């Protein structure tokens, strides 16, 4: 005669399956915000690398400019220098200045999509701060500069996601190398 009910094996199997499904669901929910943060860091790092590579390729100063209030950013380049003339040649060598003519650095958006103001399309991710050297900026316009010789401003961009996940995108001085560091405090 068979009694109604479940065996111990069946109960353990059901509890184990519920545990596995719960674990999968929890990792998926938590992993989604971590993935959004990773994707946002990749976008920022790619933009910074692009600005640095364009600066070297063109020999002109570039900058990645960030509006922390609006959470928007774009890449700008130094305007093409147009010599103003006519130039007069001094009649005496003592009046000859060997320094190149000074020009004001004027930057303009680059003529492609990265020159347009854009924002991160990752839900729940914000650019919390930008550090230039020892200075911290949490609002206003701030930029990271790249020179034509490959050098860059030492910078660190802090991205924050849900559940207090944090990533940093670091720009190394002199080389302009861009690195992503996950959750490591400054």
N, C-alpha and C. Protein backbone atom coordinates (compact mmCIF):
# COMPACT_ATOMS: atom_id res chain seq x y z
N UNK A 1 0.83 -1.17 0.00
CA UNK A 1 0.00 0.00 0.00
C UNK A 1 0.89 1.25 0.00
N UNK A 2 0.59 2.21 -0.89
CA UNK A 2 1.38 3.43 -1.06
C UNK A 2 0.69 4.56 -0.33
N UNK A 3 1.50 5.32 0.45
CA UNK A 3 0.94 6.46 1.17
C UNK A 3 1.06 7.73 0.32
N UNK A 4 0.14 8.65 0.49
CA UNK A 4 0.19 9.93 -0.22
C UNK A 4 1.25 10.82 0.42
N UNK A 5 1.94 11.60 -0.39
CA UNK A 5 2.97 12.51 0.14
C UNK A 5 4.23 12.46 -0.72
N UNK A 6 5.24 13.15 -0.26
CA UNK A 6 6.49 13.26 -0.99
C UNK A 6 7.58 12.52 -0.22
N UNK A 7 8.51 11.99 -0.97
CA UNK A 7 9.67 11.36 -0.32
C UNK A 7 10.67 12.44 0.04
N UNK A 8 11.59 12.10 0.88
CA UNK A 8 12.64 13.04 1.29
C UNK A 8 13.47 13.46 0.08
N UNK A 9 13.72 12.54 -0.81
CA UNK A 9 14.49 12.85 -2.01
C UNK A 9 13.78 13.90 -2.87
N UNK A 10 12.47 13.75 -3.05
CA UNK A 10 11.69 14.70 -3.85
C UNK A 10 11.70 16.09 -3.21
N UNK A 11 11.58 16.15 -1.90
CA UNK A 11 11.62 17.45 -1.21
C UNK A 11 12.98 18.12 -1.37
N UNK A 12 14.04 17.36 -1.22
CA UNK A 12 15.40 17.93 -1.38
C UNK A 12 15.59 18.41 -2.81
N UNK A 13 15.11 17.66 -3.79
CA UNK A 13 15.22 18.05 -5.19
C UNK A 13 14.47 19.35 -5.46
N UNK A 14 13.27 19.51 -4.96
CA UNK A 14 12.48 20.72 -5.17
C UNK A 14 13.14 21.93 -4.48
N UNK A 15 13.59 21.75 -3.25
CA UNK A 15 14.25 22.85 -2.53
C UNK A 15 15.54 23.25 -3.25
N UNK A 16 16.28 22.27 -3.76
CA UNK A 16 17.51 22.56 -4.52
C UNK A 16 17.22 23.34 -5.79
N UNK A 17 16.17 22.94 -6.51
CA UNK A 17 15.79 23.66 -7.73
C UNK A 17 15.36 25.10 -7.42
N UNK A 18 14.60 25.28 -6.37
CA UNK A 18 14.18 26.64 -5.97
C UNK A 18 15.41 27.47 -5.62
N UNK A 19 16.37 26.87 -4.92
CA UNK A 19 17.60 27.58 -4.57
C UNK A 19 18.39 27.98 -5.80
N UNK A 20 18.52 27.08 -6.77
CA UNK A 20 19.24 27.40 -8.00
C UNK A 20 18.55 28.50 -8.79
N UNK A 21 17.24 28.43 -8.90
CA UNK A 21 16.49 29.48 -9.61
C UNK A 21 16.62 30.83 -8.90
N UNK A 22 16.58 30.82 -7.59
CA UNK A 22 16.74 32.07 -6.82
C UNK A 22 18.13 32.65 -7.03
N UNK A 23 19.13 31.82 -7.01
CA UNK A 23 20.51 32.27 -7.22
C UNK A 23 20.68 32.85 -8.62
N UNK A 24 20.12 32.18 -9.62
CA UNK A 24 20.21 32.67 -11.00
C UNK A 24 19.50 34.02 -11.15
N UNK A 25 18.35 34.16 -10.54
CA UNK A 25 17.59 35.40 -10.61
C UNK A 25 18.33 36.53 -9.89
N UNK A 26 18.86 36.26 -8.71
CA UNK A 26 19.58 37.28 -7.96
C UNK A 26 20.83 37.74 -8.69
N UNK A 27 21.57 36.82 -9.29
CA UNK A 27 22.78 37.21 -10.01
C UNK A 27 22.43 37.98 -11.28
N UNK A 28 21.31 37.64 -11.87
CA UNK A 28 20.89 38.35 -13.07
C UNK A 28 20.48 39.78 -12.75
N UNK A 29 19.75 39.97 -11.66
CA UNK A 29 19.34 41.31 -11.27
C UNK A 29 20.53 42.16 -10.87
N UNK A 30 21.40 41.63 -10.04
CA UNK A 30 22.58 42.38 -9.61
C UNK A 30 23.56 42.56 -10.74
N UNK A 31 23.70 41.56 -11.60
CA UNK A 31 24.64 41.61 -12.71
C UNK A 31 24.22 42.61 -13.77
N UNK A 32 22.93 42.88 -13.88
CA UNK A 32 22.46 43.83 -14.87
C UNK A 32 22.99 45.22 -14.61
N UNK A 33 22.98 45.64 -13.36
CA UNK A 33 23.49 46.98 -13.06
C UNK A 33 25.01 47.02 -13.18
N UNK A 34 25.68 45.92 -12.86
CA UNK A 34 27.13 45.86 -13.03
C UNK A 34 27.47 45.90 -14.52
N UNK A 35 26.68 45.25 -15.34
CA UNK A 35 26.92 45.27 -16.78
C UNK A 35 26.69 46.67 -17.34
N UNK A 36 25.67 47.35 -16.88
CA UNK A 36 25.42 48.73 -17.32
C UNK A 36 26.61 49.62 -16.97
N UNK A 37 27.16 49.44 -15.78
CA UNK A 37 28.32 50.23 -15.36
C UNK A 37 29.53 49.90 -16.23
N UNK A 38 29.75 48.61 -16.51
CA UNK A 38 30.85 48.22 -17.38
C UNK A 38 30.70 48.82 -18.78
N UNK A 39 29.48 48.78 -19.31
CA UNK A 39 29.23 49.33 -20.64
C UNK A 39 29.47 50.84 -20.66
N UNK A 40 29.03 51.54 -19.61
CA UNK A 40 29.25 52.99 -19.53
C UNK A 40 30.74 53.31 -19.45
N UNK A 41 31.48 52.55 -18.66
CA UNK A 41 32.93 52.77 -18.56
C UNK A 41 33.60 52.52 -19.90
N UNK A 42 33.14 51.52 -20.64
CA UNK A 42 33.69 51.24 -21.97
C UNK A 42 33.43 52.40 -22.93
N UNK A 43 32.25 52.99 -22.85
CA UNK A 43 31.91 54.13 -23.72
C UNK A 43 32.81 55.32 -23.42
N UNK A 44 32.96 55.65 -22.14
CA UNK A 44 33.80 56.79 -21.75
C UNK A 44 35.26 56.53 -22.14
N UNK A 45 35.76 55.32 -21.87
CA UNK A 45 37.14 54.98 -22.21
C UNK A 45 37.37 55.05 -23.72
N UNK A 46 36.42 54.57 -24.50
CA UNK A 46 36.56 54.61 -25.96
C UNK A 46 36.61 56.04 -26.46
N UNK A 47 35.78 56.91 -25.90
CA UNK A 47 35.78 58.32 -26.28
C UNK A 47 37.12 58.97 -25.95
N UNK A 48 37.64 58.70 -24.77
CA UNK A 48 38.92 59.27 -24.37
C UNK A 48 40.05 58.76 -25.26
N UNK A 49 40.05 57.47 -25.56
CA UNK A 49 41.08 56.91 -26.45
C UNK A 49 41.00 57.55 -27.83
N UNK A 50 39.78 57.74 -28.31
CA UNK A 50 39.57 58.35 -29.63
C UNK A 50 40.14 59.77 -29.65
N UNK A 51 39.85 60.54 -28.62
CA UNK A 51 40.38 61.91 -28.56
C UNK A 51 41.90 61.90 -28.55
N UNK A 52 42.51 61.00 -27.78
CA UNK A 52 43.97 60.92 -27.74
C UNK A 52 44.57 60.50 -29.07
N UNK A 53 43.95 59.52 -29.72
CA UNK A 53 44.46 59.06 -31.01
C UNK A 53 44.32 60.12 -32.09
N UNK A 54 43.20 60.84 -32.08
CA UNK A 54 43.01 61.93 -33.05
C UNK A 54 44.02 63.04 -32.83
N UNK A 55 44.34 63.33 -31.56
CA UNK A 55 45.32 64.38 -31.27
C UNK A 55 46.68 64.02 -31.87
N UNK A 56 47.09 62.77 -31.70
CA UNK A 56 48.38 62.34 -32.26
C UNK A 56 48.33 62.32 -33.78
N UNK A 57 47.25 61.82 -34.35
CA UNK A 57 47.14 61.70 -35.80
C UNK A 57 47.12 63.05 -36.50
N UNK A 58 46.48 64.03 -35.89
CA UNK A 58 46.35 65.35 -36.52
C UNK A 58 47.42 66.33 -36.06
N UNK A 59 48.08 66.02 -34.93
CA UNK A 59 49.07 66.95 -34.38
C UNK A 59 48.44 68.16 -33.71
N UNK A 60 47.14 68.08 -33.46
CA UNK A 60 46.43 69.20 -32.83
C UNK A 60 45.90 68.80 -31.47
N UNK A 61 45.77 69.76 -30.60
CA UNK A 61 45.22 69.52 -29.26
C UNK A 61 43.77 69.10 -29.38
N UNK A 62 43.38 68.10 -28.60
CA UNK A 62 42.00 67.66 -28.50
C UNK A 62 41.62 67.64 -27.02
N UNK A 63 40.34 67.68 -26.78
CA UNK A 63 39.89 67.52 -25.39
C UNK A 63 38.56 66.80 -25.37
N UNK A 64 38.40 66.03 -24.29
CA UNK A 64 37.12 65.39 -24.00
C UNK A 64 36.49 66.28 -22.95
N UNK A 65 35.38 66.90 -23.31
CA UNK A 65 34.74 67.86 -22.41
C UNK A 65 33.47 67.25 -21.83
N UNK A 66 33.29 67.46 -20.53
CA UNK A 66 32.18 66.84 -19.79
C UNK A 66 31.39 67.92 -19.07
N UNK A 67 30.08 67.90 -19.22
CA UNK A 67 29.19 68.76 -18.46
C UNK A 67 28.58 67.88 -17.36
N UNK A 68 29.12 68.01 -16.16
CA UNK A 68 28.68 67.17 -15.04
C UNK A 68 27.24 67.46 -14.62
N UNK A 69 26.76 68.68 -14.85
CA UNK A 69 25.38 69.02 -14.49
C UNK A 69 24.37 68.30 -15.39
N UNK A 70 24.65 68.29 -16.69
CA UNK A 70 23.74 67.66 -17.66
C UNK A 70 24.09 66.21 -17.95
N UNK A 71 25.26 65.76 -17.45
CA UNK A 71 25.74 64.40 -17.71
C UNK A 71 25.93 64.16 -19.21
N UNK A 72 26.45 65.18 -19.92
CA UNK A 72 26.72 65.06 -21.35
C UNK A 72 28.21 65.28 -21.60
N UNK A 73 28.69 64.79 -22.74
CA UNK A 73 30.11 64.92 -23.08
C UNK A 73 30.28 64.92 -24.59
N UNK A 74 31.44 65.43 -25.05
CA UNK A 74 31.79 65.42 -26.47
C UNK A 74 33.29 65.60 -26.62
N UNK A 75 33.78 65.46 -27.85
CA UNK A 75 35.20 65.63 -28.15
C UNK A 75 35.36 66.89 -28.99
N UNK A 76 36.36 67.70 -28.64
CA UNK A 76 36.66 68.93 -29.38
C UNK A 76 38.12 68.89 -29.83
N UNK A 77 38.40 69.67 -30.88
CA UNK A 77 39.75 69.76 -31.40
C UNK A 77 40.17 71.21 -31.57
N UNK A 78 41.47 71.43 -31.62
CA UNK A 78 42.01 72.76 -31.87
C UNK A 78 41.68 73.15 -33.30
N UNK A 79 41.25 74.39 -33.47
CA UNK A 79 40.95 74.86 -34.81
C UNK A 79 42.21 74.85 -35.65
N UNK A 80 42.01 74.62 -36.94
CA UNK A 80 43.14 74.64 -37.86
C UNK A 80 43.72 76.06 -37.87
N UNK A 81 45.03 76.16 -37.68
CA UNK A 81 45.68 77.47 -37.65
C UNK A 81 45.74 78.05 -39.06
N UNK A 82 45.25 79.26 -39.20
CA UNK A 82 45.31 79.97 -40.47
C UNK A 82 46.23 81.17 -40.27
N UNK A 83 47.37 81.17 -40.95
CA UNK A 83 48.30 82.29 -40.75
C UNK A 83 47.68 83.59 -41.22
N UNK A 84 47.88 84.59 -40.40
CA UNK A 84 47.39 85.93 -40.76
C UNK A 84 48.56 86.70 -41.35
N UNK A 85 48.38 87.34 -42.41
CA UNK A 85 49.50 88.05 -43.06
C UNK A 85 49.02 89.39 -43.56
N UNK A 86 49.77 90.12 -44.26
CA UNK A 86 51.13 89.79 -44.65
C UNK A 86 52.10 90.01 -43.48
N UNK A 87 53.21 89.25 -43.53
CA UNK A 87 54.21 89.38 -42.49
C UNK A 87 55.32 90.31 -42.97
N UNK A 88 55.80 91.13 -42.08
CA UNK A 88 56.90 92.02 -42.42
C UNK A 88 58.19 91.44 -41.89
N UNK A 89 59.22 91.46 -42.71
CA UNK A 89 60.53 90.97 -42.29
C UNK A 89 61.29 92.11 -41.65
N UNK A 90 61.82 91.91 -40.43
CA UNK A 90 62.58 92.98 -39.79
C UNK A 90 63.85 93.28 -40.58
N UNK A 91 64.26 94.53 -40.54
CA UNK A 91 65.45 94.94 -41.29
C UNK A 91 66.73 94.73 -40.50
N UNK A 92 66.65 94.51 -39.22
CA UNK A 92 67.82 94.31 -38.38
C UNK A 92 67.65 93.02 -37.61
N UNK A 93 68.71 92.19 -37.53
CA UNK A 93 68.60 90.89 -36.88
C UNK A 93 68.27 91.00 -35.40
N UNK A 94 68.58 92.12 -34.78
CA UNK A 94 68.26 92.30 -33.37
C UNK A 94 66.77 92.36 -33.13
N UNK A 95 66.01 92.66 -34.18
CA UNK A 95 64.55 92.73 -34.05
C UNK A 95 63.87 91.40 -34.39
N UNK A 96 64.69 90.43 -34.82
CA UNK A 96 64.12 89.16 -35.25
C UNK A 96 63.76 88.30 -34.04
N UNK A 97 62.50 87.90 -33.95
CA UNK A 97 62.03 87.03 -32.87
C UNK A 97 61.93 85.62 -33.42
N UNK A 98 62.71 84.71 -32.85
CA UNK A 98 62.73 83.34 -33.36
C UNK A 98 61.59 82.48 -32.82
N UNK A 99 60.87 82.98 -31.86
CA UNK A 99 59.74 82.22 -31.31
C UNK A 99 58.61 82.18 -32.32
N UNK A 100 57.91 81.05 -32.40
CA UNK A 100 56.77 81.00 -33.33
C UNK A 100 55.70 81.99 -32.88
N UNK A 101 54.95 82.50 -33.83
CA UNK A 101 53.91 83.46 -33.44
C UNK A 101 52.91 82.81 -32.50
N UNK A 102 52.59 83.51 -31.45
CA UNK A 102 51.64 82.98 -30.47
C UNK A 102 50.24 82.98 -31.03
N UNK A 103 49.49 81.97 -30.68
CA UNK A 103 48.10 81.96 -31.11
C UNK A 103 47.24 81.44 -29.96
N UNK A 104 46.07 81.98 -29.89
CA UNK A 104 45.14 81.56 -28.85
C UNK A 104 44.60 80.18 -29.21
N UNK A 105 44.49 79.33 -28.21
CA UNK A 105 43.98 77.99 -28.43
C UNK A 105 42.46 78.05 -28.52
N UNK A 106 41.93 77.81 -29.70
CA UNK A 106 40.49 77.82 -29.93
C UNK A 106 40.08 76.40 -30.28
N UNK A 107 39.12 75.88 -29.53
CA UNK A 107 38.66 74.51 -29.75
C UNK A 107 37.26 74.51 -30.32
N UNK A 108 36.99 73.52 -31.18
CA UNK A 108 35.67 73.38 -31.79
C UNK A 108 35.30 71.90 -31.79
N UNK A 109 34.01 71.59 -31.80
CA UNK A 109 33.60 70.17 -31.83
C UNK A 109 34.14 69.50 -33.10
N UNK A 110 34.56 68.25 -32.97
CA UNK A 110 35.04 67.54 -34.16
C UNK A 110 33.85 67.21 -35.05
N UNK A 111 34.10 67.11 -36.35
CA UNK A 111 32.97 66.98 -37.30
C UNK A 111 32.47 65.54 -37.47
N UNK A 112 32.18 64.87 -36.40
CA UNK A 112 31.52 63.56 -36.48
C UNK A 112 30.64 63.40 -35.25
N UNK A 113 30.12 62.21 -35.04
CA UNK A 113 29.16 61.99 -33.96
C UNK A 113 29.74 62.30 -32.58
N UNK A 114 31.03 62.03 -32.38
CA UNK A 114 31.61 62.29 -31.07
C UNK A 114 31.76 63.78 -30.79
N UNK A 115 31.59 64.62 -31.80
CA UNK A 115 31.61 66.06 -31.60
C UNK A 115 30.26 66.62 -31.13
N UNK A 116 29.24 65.77 -31.11
CA UNK A 116 27.91 66.17 -30.64
C UNK A 116 27.79 65.88 -29.15
N UNK A 117 27.03 66.71 -28.44
CA UNK A 117 26.78 66.43 -27.03
C UNK A 117 26.01 65.12 -26.92
N UNK A 118 26.53 64.19 -26.13
CA UNK A 118 25.90 62.89 -25.93
C UNK A 118 25.85 62.58 -24.45
N UNK A 119 25.06 61.59 -24.07
CA UNK A 119 25.00 61.16 -22.68
C UNK A 119 25.05 59.64 -22.66
N UNK A 120 25.30 59.11 -21.49
CA UNK A 120 25.34 57.65 -21.33
C UNK A 120 23.93 57.10 -21.46
N UNK A 121 23.79 56.08 -22.26
CA UNK A 121 22.47 55.45 -22.43
C UNK A 121 22.28 54.27 -21.49
N UNK A 122 23.05 54.22 -20.44
CA UNK A 122 22.97 53.12 -19.49
C UNK A 122 22.12 53.56 -18.30
N UNK A 123 20.98 52.91 -18.06
CA UNK A 123 20.11 53.31 -16.95
C UNK A 123 20.78 53.10 -15.60
N UNK A 124 20.62 54.07 -14.73
CA UNK A 124 21.14 53.96 -13.38
C UNK A 124 22.61 54.27 -13.24
N UNK A 125 23.30 54.68 -14.33
CA UNK A 125 24.72 55.00 -14.26
C UNK A 125 24.91 56.50 -14.43
N UNK A 126 25.68 57.09 -13.53
CA UNK A 126 25.99 58.52 -13.61
C UNK A 126 27.50 58.73 -13.54
N UNK A 127 27.93 59.84 -14.11
CA UNK A 127 29.32 60.25 -13.95
C UNK A 127 29.35 61.11 -12.69
N UNK A 128 29.89 60.54 -11.62
CA UNK A 128 29.82 61.17 -10.30
C UNK A 128 30.83 62.30 -10.15
N UNK A 129 32.03 62.14 -10.70
CA UNK A 129 33.08 63.15 -10.52
C UNK A 129 34.15 62.97 -11.57
N UNK A 130 34.90 64.04 -11.77
CA UNK A 130 36.09 64.00 -12.61
C UNK A 130 37.22 64.58 -11.79
N UNK A 131 38.31 63.86 -11.71
CA UNK A 131 39.48 64.31 -10.95
C UNK A 131 40.57 64.66 -11.94
N UNK A 132 41.07 65.89 -11.85
CA UNK A 132 42.21 66.34 -12.65
C UNK A 132 43.36 66.59 -11.69
N UNK A 133 44.34 65.72 -11.73
CA UNK A 133 45.41 65.82 -10.74
C UNK A 133 44.82 65.63 -9.36
N UNK A 134 44.99 66.64 -8.50
CA UNK A 134 44.46 66.57 -7.14
C UNK A 134 43.12 67.28 -6.97
N UNK A 135 42.61 67.86 -8.05
CA UNK A 135 41.35 68.60 -7.98
C UNK A 135 40.17 67.69 -8.31
N UNK A 136 39.09 67.87 -7.53
CA UNK A 136 37.88 67.09 -7.74
C UNK A 136 36.78 68.02 -8.25
N UNK A 137 36.09 67.58 -9.32
CA UNK A 137 35.00 68.35 -9.89
C UNK A 137 33.74 67.49 -9.86
N UNK A 138 32.66 68.04 -9.30
CA UNK A 138 31.39 67.32 -9.25
C UNK A 138 30.28 68.05 -9.98
N UNK A 139 30.58 69.24 -10.51
CA UNK A 139 29.59 69.98 -11.29
C UNK A 139 30.31 70.90 -12.27
N UNK A 140 29.54 71.43 -13.23
CA UNK A 140 30.09 72.34 -14.21
C UNK A 140 30.78 71.63 -15.37
N UNK A 141 31.43 72.46 -16.22
CA UNK A 141 32.16 71.94 -17.38
C UNK A 141 33.60 71.65 -16.98
N UNK A 142 34.08 70.47 -17.34
CA UNK A 142 35.45 70.06 -17.05
C UNK A 142 35.95 69.32 -18.29
N UNK A 143 37.25 69.41 -18.57
CA UNK A 143 37.76 68.71 -19.74
C UNK A 143 39.08 68.02 -19.45
N UNK A 144 39.34 67.00 -20.24
CA UNK A 144 40.60 66.25 -20.21
C UNK A 144 41.28 66.54 -21.54
N UNK A 145 42.49 67.10 -21.48
CA UNK A 145 43.20 67.50 -22.69
C UNK A 145 44.19 66.47 -23.17
N UNK A 146 44.36 66.40 -24.50
CA UNK A 146 45.32 65.52 -25.15
C UNK A 146 46.14 66.36 -26.12
N UNK A 147 47.46 66.28 -26.02
CA UNK A 147 48.31 67.06 -26.92
C UNK A 147 48.69 66.23 -28.13
N UNK A 148 49.19 66.90 -29.15
CA UNK A 148 49.56 66.23 -30.39
C UNK A 148 50.73 65.28 -30.25
N UNK A 149 51.50 65.37 -29.16
CA UNK A 149 52.64 64.48 -28.97
C UNK A 149 52.27 63.22 -28.16
N UNK A 150 50.99 63.05 -27.82
CA UNK A 150 50.55 61.85 -27.12
C UNK A 150 50.36 62.03 -25.63
N UNK A 151 50.76 63.16 -25.09
CA UNK A 151 50.58 63.42 -23.66
C UNK A 151 49.13 63.76 -23.34
N UNK A 152 48.80 63.66 -22.07
CA UNK A 152 47.42 63.95 -21.65
C UNK A 152 47.41 64.50 -20.24
N UNK A 153 46.29 65.14 -19.90
CA UNK A 153 46.09 65.57 -18.52
C UNK A 153 45.88 64.32 -17.66
N UNK A 154 46.50 64.26 -16.47
CA UNK A 154 46.22 63.12 -15.59
C UNK A 154 44.80 63.25 -15.06
N UNK A 155 43.96 62.30 -15.40
CA UNK A 155 42.54 62.42 -15.05
C UNK A 155 41.98 61.09 -14.62
N UNK A 156 40.87 61.18 -13.90
CA UNK A 156 40.14 60.00 -13.46
C UNK A 156 38.65 60.36 -13.45
N UNK A 157 37.87 59.56 -14.15
CA UNK A 157 36.43 59.78 -14.22
C UNK A 157 35.76 58.70 -13.38
N UNK A 158 34.96 59.12 -12.40
CA UNK A 158 34.27 58.18 -11.52
C UNK A 158 32.85 57.98 -12.00
N UNK A 159 32.52 56.71 -12.29
CA UNK A 159 31.18 56.33 -12.70
C UNK A 159 30.53 55.53 -11.58
N UNK A 160 29.27 55.85 -11.30
CA UNK A 160 28.54 55.12 -10.25
C UNK A 160 27.30 54.49 -10.84
N UNK A 161 27.07 53.25 -10.43
CA UNK A 161 25.88 52.53 -10.85
C UNK A 161 24.99 52.24 -9.66
N UNK A 162 23.98 51.44 -9.91
CA UNK A 162 23.08 51.04 -8.83
C UNK A 162 23.81 50.12 -7.88
N UNK A 163 23.29 50.01 -6.68
CA UNK A 163 23.85 49.13 -5.65
C UNK A 163 25.27 49.53 -5.27
N UNK A 164 25.60 50.82 -5.43
CA UNK A 164 26.91 51.36 -5.04
C UNK A 164 28.08 50.76 -5.81
N UNK A 165 27.84 50.22 -7.01
CA UNK A 165 28.93 49.78 -7.86
C UNK A 165 29.67 51.02 -8.36
N UNK A 166 30.99 50.95 -8.44
CA UNK A 166 31.79 52.09 -8.90
C UNK A 166 32.87 51.60 -9.87
N UNK A 167 33.10 52.39 -10.91
CA UNK A 167 34.21 52.16 -11.84
C UNK A 167 34.93 53.49 -12.04
N UNK A 168 36.20 53.39 -12.32
CA UNK A 168 37.00 54.57 -12.64
C UNK A 168 37.63 54.38 -14.01
N UNK A 169 37.60 55.44 -14.81
CA UNK A 169 38.31 55.45 -16.08
C UNK A 169 39.49 56.41 -15.87
N UNK A 170 40.69 55.88 -15.95
CA UNK A 170 41.90 56.66 -15.68
C UNK A 170 42.63 57.00 -16.97
N UNK A 171 43.09 58.25 -17.05
CA UNK A 171 43.93 58.70 -18.15
C UNK A 171 45.30 59.00 -17.54
N UNK A 172 46.31 58.29 -18.03
CA UNK A 172 47.65 58.45 -17.50
C UNK A 172 48.36 59.61 -18.19
N UNK A 173 49.09 60.43 -17.42
CA UNK A 173 49.81 61.55 -18.03
C UNK A 173 50.96 61.01 -18.89
N UNK A 174 51.51 61.85 -19.72
CA UNK A 174 52.66 61.56 -20.60
C UNK A 174 52.29 60.60 -21.72
N UNK A 175 51.70 59.45 -21.41
CA UNK A 175 51.40 58.47 -22.46
C UNK A 175 49.98 58.60 -22.99
N UNK A 176 49.08 59.15 -22.20
CA UNK A 176 47.68 59.25 -22.60
C UNK A 176 46.94 57.93 -22.57
N UNK A 177 47.54 56.91 -21.96
CA UNK A 177 46.91 55.59 -21.88
C UNK A 177 45.64 55.68 -21.04
N UNK A 178 44.60 54.97 -21.47
CA UNK A 178 43.31 54.97 -20.78
C UNK A 178 43.06 53.57 -20.20
N UNK A 179 42.74 53.52 -18.91
CA UNK A 179 42.48 52.24 -18.23
C UNK A 179 41.15 52.31 -17.49
N UNK A 180 40.50 51.15 -17.38
CA UNK A 180 39.27 51.04 -16.60
C UNK A 180 39.60 50.22 -15.35
N UNK A 181 39.22 50.75 -14.19
CA UNK A 181 39.46 50.07 -12.92
C UNK A 181 38.12 49.90 -12.24
N UNK A 182 37.78 48.67 -11.89
CA UNK A 182 36.48 48.39 -11.28
C UNK A 182 36.54 48.56 -9.76
N UNK A 183 35.67 49.39 -9.22
CA UNK A 183 35.41 49.49 -7.80
C UNK A 183 36.58 49.80 -6.89
N UNK A 184 37.67 50.23 -7.42
CA UNK A 184 38.83 50.53 -6.60
C UNK A 184 38.77 51.99 -6.15
N UNK A 185 38.87 52.20 -4.86
CA UNK A 185 38.79 53.57 -4.33
C UNK A 185 39.96 54.39 -4.85
N UNK A 186 39.72 55.67 -4.97
CA UNK A 186 40.73 56.60 -5.47
C UNK A 186 41.90 56.68 -4.54
